[in-house]
């Protein structure tokens, strides 16, 4: 189960890198507008906030990657648990305040990875 958890954690980290790119660099592009369901006017008005959000998603990805590459098993485990918990909280909050899709895309895979990690 540990290998499955690590694979899922890697995919979650990649997802958060993708979200970083969308929010920081593609927010006002046709792709960003389509993904986030916004008009160009809405996107331009919220571009700075989106970039800030993207940066936070990058920190989540960095923490998960750190957990995957850390050589000390206890530190690696703690980093994975902590950052998966952060992803779950962010995903649940987004699901409650923005739309359930966020919870399904962010929180659900992180919760599955956390269960695999804890019972692996």
N, C-alpha and C. Protein backbone atom coordinates (compact mmCIF):
# COMPACT_ATOMS: atom_id res chain seq x y z
N UNK A 1 0.82 -1.21 0.00
CA UNK A 1 0.00 0.00 0.00
C UNK A 1 0.85 1.26 0.00
N UNK A 2 2.07 1.16 0.50
CA UNK A 2 2.94 2.34 0.56
C UNK A 2 3.30 2.81 -0.84
N UNK A 3 3.56 1.86 -1.74
CA UNK A 3 3.88 2.24 -3.12
C UNK A 3 2.67 2.90 -3.77
N UNK A 4 1.49 2.34 -3.54
CA UNK A 4 0.26 2.95 -4.09
C UNK A 4 0.05 4.35 -3.52
N UNK A 5 0.31 4.52 -2.24
CA UNK A 5 0.17 5.84 -1.61
C UNK A 5 1.15 6.82 -2.24
N UNK A 6 2.39 6.38 -2.43
CA UNK A 6 3.40 7.28 -3.01
C UNK A 6 3.05 7.65 -4.45
N UNK A 7 2.54 6.71 -5.21
CA UNK A 7 2.12 7.01 -6.59
C UNK A 7 1.00 8.05 -6.57
N UNK A 8 0.03 7.84 -5.72
CA UNK A 8 -1.09 8.78 -5.63
C UNK A 8 -0.62 10.15 -5.13
N UNK A 9 0.28 10.16 -4.16
CA UNK A 9 0.84 11.42 -3.66
C UNK A 9 1.57 12.15 -4.80
N UNK A 10 2.32 11.43 -5.61
CA UNK A 10 2.99 12.04 -6.76
C UNK A 10 2.00 12.65 -7.74
N UNK A 11 0.90 11.94 -7.98
CA UNK A 11 -0.13 12.47 -8.89
C UNK A 11 -0.81 13.71 -8.30
N UNK A 12 -1.03 13.69 -7.00
CA UNK A 12 -1.63 14.86 -6.33
C UNK A 12 -0.67 16.05 -6.41
N UNK A 13 0.62 15.80 -6.22
CA UNK A 13 1.61 16.87 -6.34
C UNK A 13 1.59 17.45 -7.76
N UNK A 14 1.54 16.58 -8.77
CA UNK A 14 1.46 17.05 -10.16
C UNK A 14 0.19 17.86 -10.41
N UNK A 15 -0.92 17.42 -9.83
CA UNK A 15 -2.18 18.17 -9.95
C UNK A 15 -2.00 19.58 -9.39
N UNK A 16 -1.34 19.69 -8.27
CA UNK A 16 -1.17 21.02 -7.66
C UNK A 16 -0.17 21.88 -8.43
N UNK A 17 0.79 21.27 -9.09
CA UNK A 17 1.66 22.04 -9.99
C UNK A 17 0.82 22.56 -11.16
N UNK A 18 -0.05 21.71 -11.69
CA UNK A 18 -0.94 22.11 -12.78
C UNK A 18 -1.86 23.25 -12.34
N UNK A 19 -2.41 23.15 -11.15
CA UNK A 19 -3.27 24.23 -10.63
C UNK A 19 -2.46 25.52 -10.48
N UNK A 20 -1.22 25.40 -10.00
CA UNK A 20 -0.34 26.57 -9.90
C UNK A 20 -0.21 27.24 -11.27
N UNK A 21 0.08 26.46 -12.29
CA UNK A 21 0.24 27.02 -13.64
C UNK A 21 -1.05 27.68 -14.11
N UNK A 22 -2.17 27.00 -13.90
CA UNK A 22 -3.46 27.58 -14.30
C UNK A 22 -3.72 28.91 -13.59
N UNK A 23 -3.52 28.93 -12.29
CA UNK A 23 -3.88 30.12 -11.52
C UNK A 23 -2.86 31.25 -11.65
N UNK A 24 -1.60 30.93 -11.81
CA UNK A 24 -0.58 31.97 -11.87
C UNK A 24 -0.33 32.48 -13.29
N UNK A 25 -0.44 31.59 -14.28
CA UNK A 25 0.00 31.97 -15.62
C UNK A 25 -1.09 31.87 -16.69
N UNK A 26 -2.11 31.06 -16.47
CA UNK A 26 -3.12 30.85 -17.51
C UNK A 26 -4.51 31.35 -17.11
N UNK A 27 -4.59 32.09 -16.03
CA UNK A 27 -5.87 32.53 -15.47
C UNK A 27 -6.75 33.24 -16.49
N UNK A 28 -6.17 34.12 -17.30
CA UNK A 28 -6.97 34.92 -18.24
C UNK A 28 -6.93 34.37 -19.67
N UNK A 29 -6.36 33.20 -19.85
CA UNK A 29 -6.32 32.58 -21.17
C UNK A 29 -7.60 31.77 -21.39
N UNK A 30 -7.89 31.41 -22.64
CA UNK A 30 -9.08 30.59 -22.88
C UNK A 30 -9.13 29.32 -22.03
N UNK A 31 -7.99 28.67 -21.84
CA UNK A 31 -7.96 27.46 -21.01
C UNK A 31 -8.33 27.77 -19.56
N UNK A 32 -7.72 28.81 -18.99
CA UNK A 32 -8.04 29.20 -17.62
C UNK A 32 -9.49 29.61 -17.46
N UNK A 33 -10.00 30.35 -18.41
CA UNK A 33 -11.40 30.77 -18.35
C UNK A 33 -12.33 29.56 -18.38
N UNK A 34 -12.01 28.60 -19.24
CA UNK A 34 -12.85 27.39 -19.37
C UNK A 34 -12.79 26.55 -18.09
N UNK A 35 -11.58 26.32 -17.58
CA UNK A 35 -11.42 25.47 -16.39
C UNK A 35 -12.16 26.05 -15.19
N UNK A 36 -12.06 27.37 -15.02
CA UNK A 36 -12.65 27.99 -13.84
C UNK A 36 -14.02 28.62 -14.10
N UNK A 37 -14.53 28.48 -15.33
CA UNK A 37 -15.88 28.93 -15.65
C UNK A 37 -16.10 30.42 -15.44
N UNK A 38 -15.14 31.23 -15.90
CA UNK A 38 -15.23 32.67 -15.69
C UNK A 38 -15.23 33.41 -17.03
N UNK A 39 -15.72 34.63 -16.97
CA UNK A 39 -15.59 35.52 -18.11
C UNK A 39 -14.20 36.17 -18.04
N UNK A 40 -13.77 36.73 -19.15
CA UNK A 40 -12.48 37.42 -19.16
C UNK A 40 -12.48 38.58 -18.17
N UNK A 41 -13.60 39.28 -18.09
CA UNK A 41 -13.70 40.40 -17.15
C UNK A 41 -13.54 39.93 -15.70
N UNK A 42 -14.21 38.85 -15.34
CA UNK A 42 -14.07 38.30 -13.99
C UNK A 42 -12.62 37.88 -13.72
N UNK A 43 -12.02 37.22 -14.69
CA UNK A 43 -10.66 36.72 -14.52
C UNK A 43 -9.67 37.87 -14.36
N UNK A 44 -9.81 38.92 -15.16
CA UNK A 44 -8.91 40.06 -15.03
C UNK A 44 -9.06 40.73 -13.67
N UNK A 45 -10.29 40.79 -13.18
CA UNK A 45 -10.53 41.43 -11.88
C UNK A 45 -9.95 40.62 -10.72
N UNK A 46 -9.80 39.32 -10.90
CA UNK A 46 -9.32 38.46 -9.81
C UNK A 46 -7.94 37.87 -10.07
N UNK A 47 -7.24 38.38 -11.06
CA UNK A 47 -5.97 37.80 -11.48
C UNK A 47 -4.91 37.78 -10.37
N UNK A 48 -4.79 38.83 -9.62
CA UNK A 48 -3.80 38.88 -8.54
C UNK A 48 -4.14 37.89 -7.44
N UNK A 49 -5.41 37.78 -7.09
CA UNK A 49 -5.82 36.81 -6.08
C UNK A 49 -5.57 35.38 -6.56
N UNK A 50 -5.84 35.13 -7.83
CA UNK A 50 -5.62 33.80 -8.39
C UNK A 50 -4.14 33.43 -8.36
N UNK A 51 -3.29 34.38 -8.68
CA UNK A 51 -1.85 34.12 -8.65
C UNK A 51 -1.40 33.77 -7.22
N UNK A 52 -1.95 34.45 -6.25
CA UNK A 52 -1.64 34.15 -4.85
C UNK A 52 -2.10 32.73 -4.50
N UNK A 53 -3.30 32.37 -4.94
CA UNK A 53 -3.81 31.02 -4.73
C UNK A 53 -2.90 30.00 -5.39
N UNK A 54 -2.46 30.30 -6.59
CA UNK A 54 -1.57 29.40 -7.30
C UNK A 54 -0.28 29.15 -6.54
N UNK A 55 0.24 30.21 -5.95
CA UNK A 55 1.46 30.08 -5.17
C UNK A 55 1.25 29.10 -4.01
N UNK A 56 0.13 29.20 -3.34
CA UNK A 56 -0.17 28.28 -2.23
C UNK A 56 -0.28 26.84 -2.73
N UNK A 57 -0.86 26.65 -3.91
CA UNK A 57 -0.92 25.30 -4.48
C UNK A 57 0.48 24.78 -4.77
N UNK A 58 1.37 25.68 -5.15
CA UNK A 58 2.75 25.29 -5.36
C UNK A 58 3.42 24.83 -4.07
N UNK A 59 3.09 25.50 -2.98
CA UNK A 59 3.64 25.08 -1.68
C UNK A 59 3.14 23.69 -1.29
N UNK A 60 1.87 23.41 -1.58
CA UNK A 60 1.34 22.07 -1.31
C UNK A 60 2.09 21.03 -2.12
N UNK A 61 2.29 21.31 -3.41
CA UNK A 61 3.03 20.39 -4.27
C UNK A 61 4.45 20.19 -3.75
N UNK A 62 5.11 21.28 -3.38
CA UNK A 62 6.48 21.19 -2.88
C UNK A 62 6.56 20.33 -1.62
N UNK A 63 5.60 20.49 -0.73
CA UNK A 63 5.59 19.69 0.49
C UNK A 63 5.39 18.22 0.22
N UNK A 64 4.49 17.91 -0.71
CA UNK A 64 4.27 16.50 -1.05
C UNK A 64 5.50 15.89 -1.73
N UNK A 65 6.13 16.66 -2.59
CA UNK A 65 7.35 16.18 -3.26
C UNK A 65 8.46 15.98 -2.22
N UNK A 66 8.56 16.90 -1.29
CA UNK A 66 9.54 16.75 -0.20
C UNK A 66 9.30 15.42 0.52
N UNK A 67 8.04 15.13 0.84
CA UNK A 67 7.73 13.87 1.51
C UNK A 67 8.14 12.66 0.69
N UNK A 68 8.05 12.77 -0.62
CA UNK A 68 8.41 11.64 -1.49
C UNK A 68 9.91 11.44 -1.60
N UNK A 69 10.69 12.51 -1.52
CA UNK A 69 12.14 12.39 -1.73
C UNK A 69 12.94 12.39 -0.43
N UNK A 70 12.31 12.71 0.68
CA UNK A 70 13.01 12.76 1.98
C UNK A 70 13.57 11.38 2.31
N UNK A 71 14.84 11.34 2.70
CA UNK A 71 15.53 10.08 2.99
C UNK A 71 15.20 9.51 4.36
N UNK A 72 14.87 10.36 5.31
CA UNK A 72 14.56 9.88 6.67
C UNK A 72 13.10 9.45 6.71
N UNK A 73 12.83 8.15 6.94
CA UNK A 73 11.46 7.65 6.86
C UNK A 73 10.46 8.38 7.76
N UNK A 74 10.83 8.67 9.00
CA UNK A 74 9.89 9.35 9.90
C UNK A 74 9.56 10.76 9.41
N UNK A 75 10.56 11.46 8.91
CA UNK A 75 10.34 12.82 8.39
C UNK A 75 9.51 12.77 7.13
N UNK A 76 9.79 11.80 6.25
CA UNK A 76 9.02 11.64 5.01
C UNK A 76 7.56 11.37 5.33
N UNK A 77 7.32 10.46 6.27
CA UNK A 77 5.96 10.12 6.66
C UNK A 77 5.24 11.35 7.22
N UNK A 78 5.90 12.07 8.11
CA UNK A 78 5.29 13.26 8.72
C UNK A 78 4.97 14.32 7.67
N UNK A 79 5.87 14.54 6.73
CA UNK A 79 5.63 15.53 5.67
C UNK A 79 4.44 15.13 4.81
N UNK A 80 4.37 13.85 4.45
CA UNK A 80 3.25 13.37 3.64
C UNK A 80 1.93 13.55 4.37
N UNK A 81 1.90 13.15 5.63
CA UNK A 81 0.66 13.26 6.42
C UNK A 81 0.25 14.73 6.54
N UNK A 82 1.20 15.59 6.88
CA UNK A 82 0.88 17.01 7.06
C UNK A 82 0.35 17.62 5.77
N UNK A 83 1.07 17.43 4.66
CA UNK A 83 0.66 18.10 3.43
C UNK A 83 -0.59 17.47 2.82
N UNK A 84 -0.79 16.17 2.98
CA UNK A 84 -2.06 15.58 2.55
C UNK A 84 -3.20 16.17 3.37
N UNK A 85 -2.99 16.35 4.67
CA UNK A 85 -4.00 16.99 5.51
C UNK A 85 -4.32 18.39 5.03
N UNK A 86 -3.30 19.14 4.65
CA UNK A 86 -3.52 20.49 4.11
C UNK A 86 -4.34 20.45 2.83
N UNK A 87 -4.01 19.51 1.95
CA UNK A 87 -4.77 19.37 0.70
C UNK A 87 -6.23 19.01 0.99
N UNK A 88 -6.44 18.12 1.94
CA UNK A 88 -7.81 17.73 2.29
C UNK A 88 -8.59 18.92 2.83
N UNK A 89 -7.99 19.67 3.74
CA UNK A 89 -8.67 20.85 4.31
C UNK A 89 -8.98 21.86 3.20
N UNK A 90 -8.01 22.13 2.35
CA UNK A 90 -8.23 23.09 1.25
C UNK A 90 -9.32 22.59 0.31
N UNK A 91 -9.31 21.31 -0.01
CA UNK A 91 -10.31 20.75 -0.90
C UNK A 91 -11.70 20.76 -0.31
N UNK A 92 -11.82 20.44 0.96
CA UNK A 92 -13.13 20.47 1.63
C UNK A 92 -13.65 21.91 1.69
N UNK A 93 -12.78 22.83 2.05
CA UNK A 93 -13.19 24.24 2.11
C UNK A 93 -13.63 24.72 0.73
N UNK A 94 -12.84 24.41 -0.28
CA UNK A 94 -13.23 24.79 -1.64
C UNK A 94 -14.53 24.15 -2.06
N UNK A 95 -14.74 22.90 -1.67
CA UNK A 95 -15.98 22.21 -1.99
C UNK A 95 -17.19 22.86 -1.34
N UNK A 96 -17.00 23.32 -0.12
CA UNK A 96 -18.10 23.96 0.60
C UNK A 96 -18.37 25.40 0.14
N UNK A 97 -17.33 26.10 -0.26
CA UNK A 97 -17.49 27.52 -0.57
C UNK A 97 -17.58 27.82 -2.07
N UNK A 98 -17.02 26.96 -2.90
CA UNK A 98 -17.00 27.23 -4.34
C UNK A 98 -17.83 26.22 -5.11
N UNK A 99 -17.55 24.95 -4.92
CA UNK A 99 -18.29 23.90 -5.62
C UNK A 99 -17.75 22.53 -5.26
N UNK A 100 -18.64 21.57 -5.25
CA UNK A 100 -18.30 20.21 -4.86
C UNK A 100 -17.22 19.60 -5.74
N UNK A 101 -17.09 20.09 -6.95
CA UNK A 101 -16.07 19.59 -7.88
C UNK A 101 -14.67 19.70 -7.27
N UNK A 102 -14.42 20.77 -6.54
CA UNK A 102 -13.11 20.96 -5.92
C UNK A 102 -12.85 19.87 -4.88
N UNK A 103 -13.85 19.55 -4.10
CA UNK A 103 -13.68 18.50 -3.10
C UNK A 103 -13.39 17.16 -3.77
N UNK A 104 -14.04 16.90 -4.87
CA UNK A 104 -13.83 15.63 -5.57
C UNK A 104 -12.45 15.56 -6.22
N UNK A 105 -11.99 16.67 -6.75
CA UNK A 105 -10.71 16.69 -7.45
C UNK A 105 -9.53 16.77 -6.48
N UNK A 106 -9.67 17.54 -5.39
CA UNK A 106 -8.56 17.73 -4.47
C UNK A 106 -8.66 16.87 -3.21
N UNK A 107 -9.74 17.00 -2.49
CA UNK A 107 -9.83 16.35 -1.18
C UNK A 107 -9.95 14.84 -1.26
N UNK A 108 -10.75 14.34 -2.18
CA UNK A 108 -10.98 12.89 -2.24
C UNK A 108 -9.70 12.11 -2.53
N UNK A 109 -8.93 12.46 -3.57
CA UNK A 109 -7.69 11.70 -3.79
C UNK A 109 -6.70 11.82 -2.62
N UNK A 110 -6.64 12.99 -2.00
CA UNK A 110 -5.75 13.17 -0.86
C UNK A 110 -6.20 12.31 0.32
N UNK A 111 -7.49 12.21 0.53
CA UNK A 111 -8.01 11.37 1.62
C UNK A 111 -7.69 9.89 1.35
N UNK A 112 -7.83 9.48 0.11
CA UNK A 112 -7.50 8.09 -0.25
C UNK A 112 -6.01 7.85 -0.03
N UNK A 113 -5.17 8.78 -0.48
CA UNK A 113 -3.73 8.64 -0.28
C UNK A 113 -3.37 8.59 1.20
N UNK A 114 -4.04 9.40 2.00
CA UNK A 114 -3.77 9.41 3.44
C UNK A 114 -4.14 8.07 4.07
N UNK A 115 -5.26 7.52 3.69
CA UNK A 115 -5.66 6.20 4.21
C UNK A 115 -4.64 5.14 3.79
N UNK A 116 -4.24 5.16 2.52
CA UNK A 116 -3.24 4.20 2.06
C UNK A 116 -1.92 4.35 2.82
N UNK A 117 -1.55 5.59 3.06
CA UNK A 117 -0.31 5.87 3.78
C UNK A 117 -0.38 5.38 5.22
N UNK A 118 -1.48 5.69 5.89
CA UNK A 118 -1.62 5.33 7.30
C UNK A 118 -1.73 3.83 7.52
N UNK A 119 -2.31 3.13 6.55
CA UNK A 119 -2.51 1.69 6.72
C UNK A 119 -1.53 0.87 5.89
N UNK A 120 -0.57 1.56 5.26
CA UNK A 120 0.41 0.87 4.39
C UNK A 120 1.56 0.26 5.16
